[in-house]
C-alpha atoms as a PDB file:
ATOM      1  CA  MET A   1      93.439 110.946  91.829  1.00  0.00           C
ATOM      2  CA  SER A   2      89.870 110.863  92.217  1.00  0.00           C
ATOM      3  CA  ASN A   3      88.210 112.808  94.802  1.00  0.00           C
ATOM      4  CA  GLY A   4      86.976 109.200  96.787  1.00  0.00           C
ATOM      5  CA  HIS A   5      90.563 107.894  96.546  1.00  0.00           C
ATOM      6  CA  CYS A   6      92.121 111.408  97.533  1.00  0.00           C
ATOM      7  CA  ALA A   7      89.553 111.382 100.710  1.00  0.00           C
ATOM      8  CA  VAL A   8      90.694 107.809 101.383  1.00  0.00           C
ATOM      9  CA  LEU A   9      94.339 108.486 101.286  1.00  0.00           C
ATOM     10  CA  SER A  10      93.834 111.789 102.899  1.00  0.00           C
ATOM     11  CA  ASN A  11      91.897 110.173 106.094  1.00  0.00           C
ATOM     12  CA  ALA A  12      94.597 107.192 105.933  1.00  0.00           C
ATOM     13  CA  ILE A  13      97.471 110.342 106.377  1.00  0.00           C
ATOM     14  CA  ASP A  14      95.550 112.180 109.096  1.00  0.00           C
ATOM     15  CA  THR A  15      95.249 108.714 110.718  1.00  0.00           C
ATOM     16  CA  ILE A  16      99.085 108.098 110.945  1.00  0.00           C
ATOM     17  CA  ALA A  17     100.350 111.562 110.792  1.00  0.00           C
ATOM     18  CA  SER A  18     100.810 111.689 115.015  1.00  0.00           C
ATOM     19  CA  GLY A  19     102.797 108.641 115.104  1.00  0.00           C
ATOM     20  CA  VAL A  20     105.352 109.983 112.275  1.00  0.00           C
ATOM     21  CA  GLY A  21     108.727 111.127 114.057  1.00  0.00           C
ATOM     22  CA  PRO A  22     112.320 111.792 112.563  1.00  0.00           C
ATOM     23  CA  SER A  23     113.201 108.309 112.105  1.00  0.00           C
ATOM     24  CA  THR A  24     109.689 107.105 110.681  1.00  0.00           C
ATOM     25  CA  ALA A  25     109.647 105.650 107.288  1.00  0.00           C
ATOM     26  CA  VAL A  26     106.276 105.303 105.599  1.00  0.00           C
ATOM     27  CA  LEU A  27     105.971 102.615 103.031  1.00  0.00           C
ATOM     28  CA  PRO A  28     102.581 102.734 100.756  1.00  0.00           C
ATOM     29  CA  LEU A  29     101.972  99.394  99.009  1.00  0.00           C
ATOM     30  CA  LEU A  30      99.494 101.445  96.578  1.00  0.00           C
ATOM     31  CA  ASN A  31      98.977 100.924  92.693  1.00  0.00           C
ATOM     32  CA  GLY A  32     100.523 103.724  90.681  1.00  0.00           C
ATOM     33  CA  VAL A  33     102.741 106.952  91.640  1.00  0.00           C
ATOM     34  CA  ALA A  34     100.410 109.546  91.959  1.00  0.00           C
ATOM     35  CA  HIS A  35     100.182 109.192  95.411  1.00  0.00           C
ATOM     36  CA  MET A  36     103.746 109.524  96.271  1.00  0.00           C
ATOM     37  CA  ASP A  37     103.656 113.509  95.588  1.00  0.00           C
ATOM     38  CA  ILE A  38     100.755 113.669  98.047  1.00  0.00           C
ATOM     39  CA  LEU A  39     102.943 111.256 100.878  1.00  0.00           C
ATOM     40  CA  ASN A  40     105.994 113.443  99.988  1.00  0.00           C
ATOM     41  CA  ALA A  41     104.385 116.930 100.280  1.00  0.00           C
ATOM     42  CA  ARG A  42     103.015 115.748 103.928  1.00  0.00           C
ATOM     43  CA  PHE A  43     106.094 114.213 105.409  1.00  0.00           C
ATOM     44  CA  GLY A  44     108.731 115.116 103.544  1.00  0.00           C
ATOM     45  CA  LYS A  45     110.362 113.017 100.662  1.00  0.00           C
ATOM     46  CA  ASP A  46     113.020 111.634 103.144  1.00  0.00           C
ATOM     47  CA  ARG A  47     110.545 109.500 105.050  1.00  0.00           C
ATOM     48  CA  VAL A  48     108.555 108.003 102.072  1.00  0.00           C
ATOM     49  CA  LEU A  49     109.517 104.876 100.891  1.00  0.00           C
ATOM     50  CA  GLY A  50     108.691 103.432  97.151  1.00  0.00           C
ATOM     51  CA  GLY A  51     106.561 100.181  97.320  1.00  0.00           C
ATOM     52  CA  VAL A  52     104.789  97.624  94.961  1.00  0.00           C
ATOM     53  CA  ALA A  53     103.014  94.664  96.129  1.00  0.00           C
ATOM     54  CA  LYS A  54     102.223  91.610  93.861  1.00  0.00           C
ATOM     55  CA  ILE A  55      99.062  90.182  94.946  1.00  0.00           C
ATOM     56  CA  GLN A  56      95.657  89.223  93.257  1.00  0.00           C
ATOM     57  CA  ALA A  57      92.801  89.932  95.216  1.00  0.00           C
ATOM     58  CA  SER A  58      89.370  91.138  94.776  1.00  0.00           C
ATOM     59  CA  LEU A  59      86.429  92.376  97.250  1.00  0.00           C
ATOM     60  CA  SER A  60      83.540  90.421  96.940  1.00  0.00           C
ATOM     61  CA  ASP A  61      79.769  91.596  97.096  1.00  0.00           C
ATOM     62  CA  ASP A  62      79.570  90.243 100.844  1.00  0.00           C
ATOM     63  CA  GLY A  63      82.638  92.621 102.035  1.00  0.00           C
ATOM     64  CA  ILE A  64      84.914  89.366 101.749  1.00  0.00           C
ATOM     65  CA  ILE A  65      88.515  90.107 100.386  1.00  0.00           C
ATOM     66  CA  ARG A  66      89.425  87.147  98.171  1.00  0.00           C
ATOM     67  CA  GLN A  67      92.634  85.974  97.334  1.00  0.00           C
ATOM     68  CA  ALA A  68      92.927  84.443  93.546  1.00  0.00           C
ATOM     69  CA  ASN A  69      96.403  82.743  93.787  1.00  0.00           C
ATOM     70  CA  ASP A  70      99.406  82.612  95.819  1.00  0.00           C
ATOM     71  CA  TRP A  71     101.122  85.873  94.931  1.00  0.00           C
ATOM     72  CA  ARG A  72     102.522  87.495  98.247  1.00  0.00           C
ATOM     73  CA  PHE A  73     105.311  89.349  97.038  1.00  0.00           C
ATOM     74  CA  ILE A  74     106.586  92.910  98.159  1.00  0.00           C
ATOM     75  CA  SER A  75     109.406  94.926  96.851  1.00  0.00           C
ATOM     76  CA  PHE A  76     110.352  98.618  98.644  1.00  0.00           C
ATOM     77  CA  GLY A  77     113.224 101.096  98.330  1.00  0.00           C
ATOM     78  CA  GLU A  78     114.360 104.622  98.673  1.00  0.00           C
ATOM     79  CA  GLN A  79     113.171 107.017  96.328  1.00  0.00           C
ATOM     80  CA  ASN A  80     116.639 107.854  95.461  1.00  0.00           C
ATOM     81  CA  GLY A  81     118.012 104.225  95.045  1.00  0.00           C
ATOM     82  CA  GLU A  82     120.047 104.182  98.418  1.00  0.00           C
ATOM     83  CA  MET A  83     120.473 100.898 100.034  1.00  0.00           C
ATOM     84  CA  SER A  84     119.843 102.639 103.213  1.00  0.00           C
ATOM     85  CA  PRO A  85     120.270 101.046 106.801  1.00  0.00           C
ATOM     86  CA  ARG A  86     116.300 101.186 107.144  1.00  0.00           C
ATOM     87  CA  ILE A  87     115.668  99.027 103.985  1.00  0.00           C
ATOM     88  CA  SER A  88     118.037  96.307 105.438  1.00  0.00           C
ATOM     89  CA  ALA A  89     116.222  96.727 108.628  1.00  0.00           C
ATOM     90  CA  LEU A  90     112.784  96.285 106.809  1.00  0.00           C
ATOM     91  CA  SER A  91     114.145  93.631 105.164  1.00  0.00           C
ATOM     92  CA  GLU A  92     115.288  91.867 108.400  1.00  0.00           C
ATOM     93  CA  ALA A  93     111.493  92.428 109.499  1.00  0.00           C
ATOM     94  CA  PHE A  94     110.018  90.599 106.464  1.00  0.00           C
ATOM     95  CA  GLY A  95     111.826  88.321 106.629  1.00  0.00           C
ATOM     96  CA  ARG A  96     110.652  87.108 110.290  1.00  0.00           C
ATOM     97  CA  ALA A  97     106.797  87.488 109.066  1.00  0.00           C
ATOM     98  CA  LYS A  98     105.375  83.969 107.566  1.00  0.00           C
ATOM     99  CA  GLY A  99     103.724  83.875 104.251  1.00  0.00           C
ATOM    100  CA  ILE A 100     105.118  87.202 102.675  1.00  0.00           C
ATOM    101  CA  VAL A 101     107.968  87.262 100.195  1.00  0.00           C
ATOM    102  CA  ALA A 102     109.631  90.608 100.807  1.00  0.00           C
ATOM    103  CA  GLU A 103     112.791  92.418  99.293  1.00  0.00           C
ATOM    104  CA  GLY A 104     114.714  95.701  99.156  1.00  0.00           C
ATOM    105  CA  VAL A 105     115.366  97.055  95.869  1.00  0.00           C
ATOM    106  CA  SER A 106     117.815  99.605  94.250  1.00  0.00           C
ATOM    107  CA  ASP A 107     115.192 100.514  91.829  1.00  0.00           C
ATOM    108  CA  ILE A 108     111.414 100.862  93.265  1.00  0.00           C
ATOM    109  CA  MET A 109     110.726 103.845  91.088  1.00  0.00           C
ATOM    110  CA  GLN A 110     111.203 102.409  87.981  1.00  0.00           C
ATOM    111  CA  ARG A 111     109.358  99.349  89.184  1.00  0.00           C
ATOM    112  CA  MET A 112     106.563 101.289  90.370  1.00  0.00           C
ATOM    113  CA  TRP A 113     106.327 103.009  86.640  1.00  0.00           C
ATOM    114  CA  GLU A 114     106.741  99.499  85.397  1.00  0.00           C
ATOM    115  CA  LYS A 115     103.627  98.428  86.979  1.00  0.00           C
ATOM    116  CA  LEU A 116     101.540 101.358  86.290  1.00  0.00           C
ATOM    117  CA  VAL A 117     102.500 100.652  82.736  1.00  0.00           C
ATOM    118  CA  HIS A 118     101.306  97.203  82.623  1.00  0.00           C
ATOM    119  CA  LEU A 119      98.266  98.078  85.012  1.00  0.00           C
ATOM    120  CA  SER A 120      97.222 101.105  82.722  1.00  0.00           C
ATOM    121  CA  THR A 121      97.222  98.851  79.628  1.00  0.00           C
ATOM    122  CA  ALA A 122      95.522  95.767  81.016  1.00  0.00           C
ATOM    123  CA  ALA A 123      93.172  97.705  83.013  1.00  0.00           C
ATOM    124  CA  SER A 124      91.944  99.754  80.156  1.00  0.00           C
ATOM    125  CA  MET A 125      91.558  96.919  77.706  1.00  0.00           C
ATOM    126  CA  THR A 126      89.653  94.708  80.042  1.00  0.00           C
ATOM    127  CA  CYS A 127      87.094  97.340  81.406  1.00  0.00           C
ATOM    128  CA  LEU A 128      86.859  99.052  77.672  1.00  0.00           C
ATOM    129  CA  MET A 129      86.182  95.270  76.387  1.00  0.00           C
ATOM    130  CA  ARG A 130      84.553  93.710  79.649  1.00  0.00           C
ATOM    131  CA  ALA A 131      86.350  90.762  78.841  1.00  0.00           C
ATOM    132  CA  ASN A 132      89.705  88.753  80.080  1.00  0.00           C
ATOM    133  CA  VAL A 133      92.952  88.864  77.808  1.00  0.00           C
ATOM    134  CA  GLY A 134      92.407  85.720  76.128  1.00  0.00           C
ATOM    135  CA  GLU A 135      88.899  86.638  75.170  1.00  0.00           C
ATOM    136  CA  ILE A 136      90.054  89.915  73.516  1.00  0.00           C
ATOM    137  CA  VAL A 137      93.470  88.773  71.992  1.00  0.00           C
ATOM    138  CA  ARG A 138      91.040  85.834  70.140  1.00  0.00           C
ATOM    139  CA  THR A 139      89.422  88.627  68.438  1.00  0.00           C
ATOM    140  CA  PRO A 140      90.644  89.909  64.899  1.00  0.00           C
ATOM    141  CA  ASP A 141      92.488  92.857  66.095  1.00  0.00           C
ATOM    142  CA  GLY A 142      92.385  92.517  70.158  1.00  0.00           C
ATOM    143  CA  ALA A 143      96.273  91.497  70.083  1.00  0.00           C
ATOM    144  CA  LYS A 144      97.014  94.559  68.222  1.00  0.00           C
ATOM    145  CA  GLN A 145      95.165  96.999  70.302  1.00  0.00           C
ATOM    146  CA  PHE A 146      96.564  95.448  73.453  1.00  0.00           C
ATOM    147  CA  LEU A 147     100.177  96.052  72.035  1.00  0.00           C
ATOM    148  CA  GLU A 148      99.620  99.430  70.425  1.00  0.00           C
ATOM    149  CA  LEU A 149      97.989 100.453  73.853  1.00  0.00           C
ATOM    150  CA  LEU A 150     101.125  98.791  75.793  1.00  0.00           C
ATOM    151  CA  ASP A 151     103.506 101.367  73.464  1.00  0.00           C
ATOM    152  CA  ASP A 152     101.746 104.139  73.950  1.00  0.00           C
ATOM    153  CA  MET A 153     102.171 103.788  78.077  1.00  0.00           C
ATOM    154  CA  SER A 154     105.745 102.659  77.482  1.00  0.00           C
ATOM    155  CA  ARG A 155     105.928 106.248  75.902  1.00  0.00           C
ATOM    156  CA  VAL A 156     104.517 107.808  78.783  1.00  0.00           C
ATOM    157  CA  ALA A 157     106.776 106.221  81.191  1.00  0.00           C
ATOM    158  CA  ALA A 158     109.840 106.736  78.977  1.00  0.00           C
ATOM    159  CA  ARG A 159     109.111 110.602  78.708  1.00  0.00           C
ATOM    160  CA  SER A 160     108.767 110.542  82.703  1.00  0.00           C
ATOM    161  CA  GLY A 161     112.126 109.217  83.039  1.00  0.00           C
ATOM    162  CA  HIS A 162     111.204 105.997  83.521  1.00  0.00           C
ATOM    163  CA  GLU A 163     111.500 103.957  80.402  1.00  0.00           C
ATOM    164  CA  PRO A 164     110.366 100.256  80.892  1.00  0.00           C
ATOM    165  CA  SER A 165     113.327  97.638  80.253  1.00  0.00           C
ATOM    166  CA  ALA A 166     113.416  95.588  77.025  1.00  0.00           C
ATOM    167  CA  ALA A 167     112.617  92.224  79.466  1.00  0.00           C
ATOM    168  CA  PHE A 168     109.365  94.159  80.939  1.00  0.00           C
ATOM    169  CA  MET A 169     108.339  95.321  77.424  1.00  0.00           C
ATOM    170  CA  ALA A 170     109.181  91.308  76.208  1.00  0.00           C
ATOM    171  CA  ASN A 171     107.267  89.683  78.633  1.00  0.00           C
ATOM    172  CA  TYR A 172     104.394  91.794  78.469  1.00  0.00           C
ATOM    173  CA  ARG A 173     104.036  91.828  74.737  1.00  0.00           C
ATOM    174  CA  GLU A 174     103.653  87.620  75.572  1.00  0.00           C
ATOM    175  CA  VAL A 175     101.136  88.211  78.212  1.00  0.00           C
ATOM    176  CA  PHE A 176      99.090  90.759  75.844  1.00  0.00           C
ATOM    177  CA  SER A 177      99.235  88.269  73.111  1.00  0.00           C
ATOM    178  CA  ASP A 178      98.577  84.869  74.894  1.00  0.00           C
ATOM    179  CA  LYS A 179      95.130  83.721  73.394  1.00  0.00           C
ATOM    180  CA  SER A 180      94.533  80.707  76.299  1.00  0.00           C
ATOM    181  CA  SER A 181      94.939  83.771  79.100  1.00  0.00           C
ATOM    182  CA  GLY A 182      92.042  84.414  81.667  1.00  0.00           C
ATOM    183  CA  TYR A 183      93.572  87.499  83.284  1.00  0.00           C
ATOM    184  CA  VAL A 184      91.428  89.967  83.862  1.00  0.00           C
ATOM    185  CA  THR A 185      92.341  93.294  86.294  1.00  0.00           C
ATOM    186  CA  SER A 186      90.721  93.851  89.524  1.00  0.00           C
ATOM    187  CA  MET A 187      89.334  96.977  87.805  1.00  0.00           C
ATOM    188  CA  ALA A 188      87.504  95.356  85.553  1.00  0.00           C
ATOM    189  CA  ARG A 189      86.141  92.981  88.145  1.00  0.00           C
ATOM    190  CA  ASP A 190      85.250  96.275  90.310  1.00  0.00           C
ATOM    191  CA  LEU A 191      83.453  97.408  87.267  1.00  0.00           C
ATOM    192  CA  GLU A 192      81.296  94.386  87.015  1.00  0.00           C
ATOM    193  CA  ARG A 193      80.151  94.119  90.204  1.00  0.00           C
ATOM    194  CA  ARG A 194      79.327  97.874  90.331  1.00  0.00           C
ATOM    195  CA  GLY A 195      81.923  98.993  92.823  1.00  0.00           C
ATOM    196  CA  ARG A 196      84.429 101.809  93.116  1.00  0.00           C
ATOM    197  CA  THR A 197      87.313 101.496  90.862  1.00  0.00           C
ATOM    198  CA  GLU A 198      90.782 103.127  90.814  1.00  0.00           C
ATOM    199  CA  VAL A 199      90.077 104.707  87.114  1.00  0.00           C
ATOM    200  CA  ASP A 200      91.544 108.223  88.323  1.00  0.00           C
ATOM    201  CA  HIS A 201      94.704 106.764  90.230  1.00  0.00           C
ATOM    202  CA  ILE A 202      95.762 104.663  87.379  1.00  0.00           C
ATOM    203  CA  ILE A 203      94.468 105.356  83.833  1.00  0.00           C
ATOM    204  CA  GLY A 204      93.300 108.947  84.710  1.00  0.00           C
ATOM    205  CA  PHE A 205      96.511 109.630  85.715  1.00  0.00           C
ATOM    206  CA  MET A 206      98.477 108.248  82.957  1.00  0.00           C
ATOM    207  CA  LEU A 207      95.501 110.115  80.322  1.00  0.00           C
ATOM    208  CA  SER A 208      96.519 113.161  82.082  1.00  0.00           C
ATOM    209  CA  ARG A 209     100.296 112.648  82.093  1.00  0.00           C
ATOM    210  CA  ALA A 210      99.861 111.330  78.289  1.00  0.00           C
ATOM    211  CA  ARG A 211      98.640 114.856  77.168  1.00  0.00           C
ATOM    212  CA  SER A 212     101.146 116.732  78.949  1.00  0.00           C
ATOM    213  CA  LEU A 213     103.717 114.727  77.233  1.00  0.00           C
ATOM    214  CA  GLY A 214     102.416 114.848  73.857  1.00  0.00           C
ATOM    215  CA  VAL A 215     101.831 111.284  74.079  1.00  0.00           C
ATOM    216  CA  GLU A 216      98.329 110.540  71.887  1.00  0.00           C
ATOM    217  CA  SER A 217      96.337 107.459  72.853  1.00  0.00           C
ATOM    218  CA  LYS A 218      92.748 107.063  71.981  1.00  0.00           C
ATOM    219  CA  THR A 219      92.129 103.760  73.219  1.00  0.00           C
ATOM    220  CA  LEU A 220      93.445 105.573  76.196  1.00  0.00           C
ATOM    221  CA  GLU A 221      90.682 108.014  76.077  1.00  0.00           C
ATOM    222  CA  LEU A 222      88.222 105.807  75.250  1.00  0.00           C
ATOM    223  CA  ALA A 223      88.547 103.517  78.634  1.00  0.00           C
ATOM    224  CA  TYR A 224      88.375 106.407  80.794  1.00  0.00           C
ATOM    225  CA  THR A 225      85.388 107.723  79.240  1.00  0.00           C
ATOM    226  CA  HIS A 226      84.116 104.245  79.436  1.00  0.00           C
ATOM    227  CA  ILE A 227      84.490 103.536  82.767  1.00  0.00           C
ATOM    228  CA  LYS A 228      83.790 107.647  84.249  1.00  0.00           C
ATOM    229  CA  SER A 229      80.354 107.206  82.316  1.00  0.00           C
ATOM    230  CA  ASN A 230      79.434 104.377  83.830  1.00  0.00           C
ATOM    231  CA  GLU A 231      80.443 105.796  87.257  1.00  0.00           C
ATOM    232  CA  GLN A 232      77.770 108.430  86.496  1.00  0.00           C
ATOM    233  CA  ARG A 233      75.184 105.714  85.424  1.00  0.00           C
ATOM    234  CA  LEU A 234      75.825 103.948  89.167  1.00  0.00           C
ATOM    235  CA  ALA A 235      75.822 107.048  90.918  1.00  0.00           C
ATOM    236  CA  ALA A 236      72.295 108.109  89.518  1.00  0.00           C
ATOM    237  CA  ARG A 237      70.774 105.006  90.720  1.00  0.00           C
ATOM    238  CA  PRO A 238      68.916 104.968  93.818  1.00  0.00           C
ATOM    239  CA  ASN A 239      70.237 102.585  96.503  1.00  0.00           C
END
């Protein structure tokens, strides 16, 4: 994680720490998996749940969070896959909330890793090319480059013990081959508006993991270099 994201997470942890007791469950809904080790170390693995949110939103220049569609889905579960009483209790609590579709699952870590494969692929390509999926795929080599990176990220997940399912891979091969798609990641939108990004938490994490596991990905390296060099340019500009 970047120093900025580490600081934000650290501040959030410090804020809630006094309220975390023996029966407390901590449910993070952050992208990626890098935060799990930090939360486990602070609160204990038995108190930390895994979680995934499916929502498409971005922060505008005027500070307003704008939701791009009607996605409002949350999945959560125990790290060990147990369908525990607290997962049932959380499912019941979410069921009373309007406008949220929430589900307790037995494979949350697998889902978190699959989302990371998806995001690291999509964010790398849309940030590197400064274009949406359809615009990239309509170029002579865009679809091939997209799918090669998807395969690279899948290998990283597999060697980390979370090989993406055949259904997941088939779905995202289709998503990243769609010439009519207007899909662009929030990281690319953040980059375009010159805001902070999750680059270290998503792309940087996967690059570090890829290198440690012997998976080579030049596209991932280029995407990380592109975004990090852009950060330096923005940091050097006067306010």
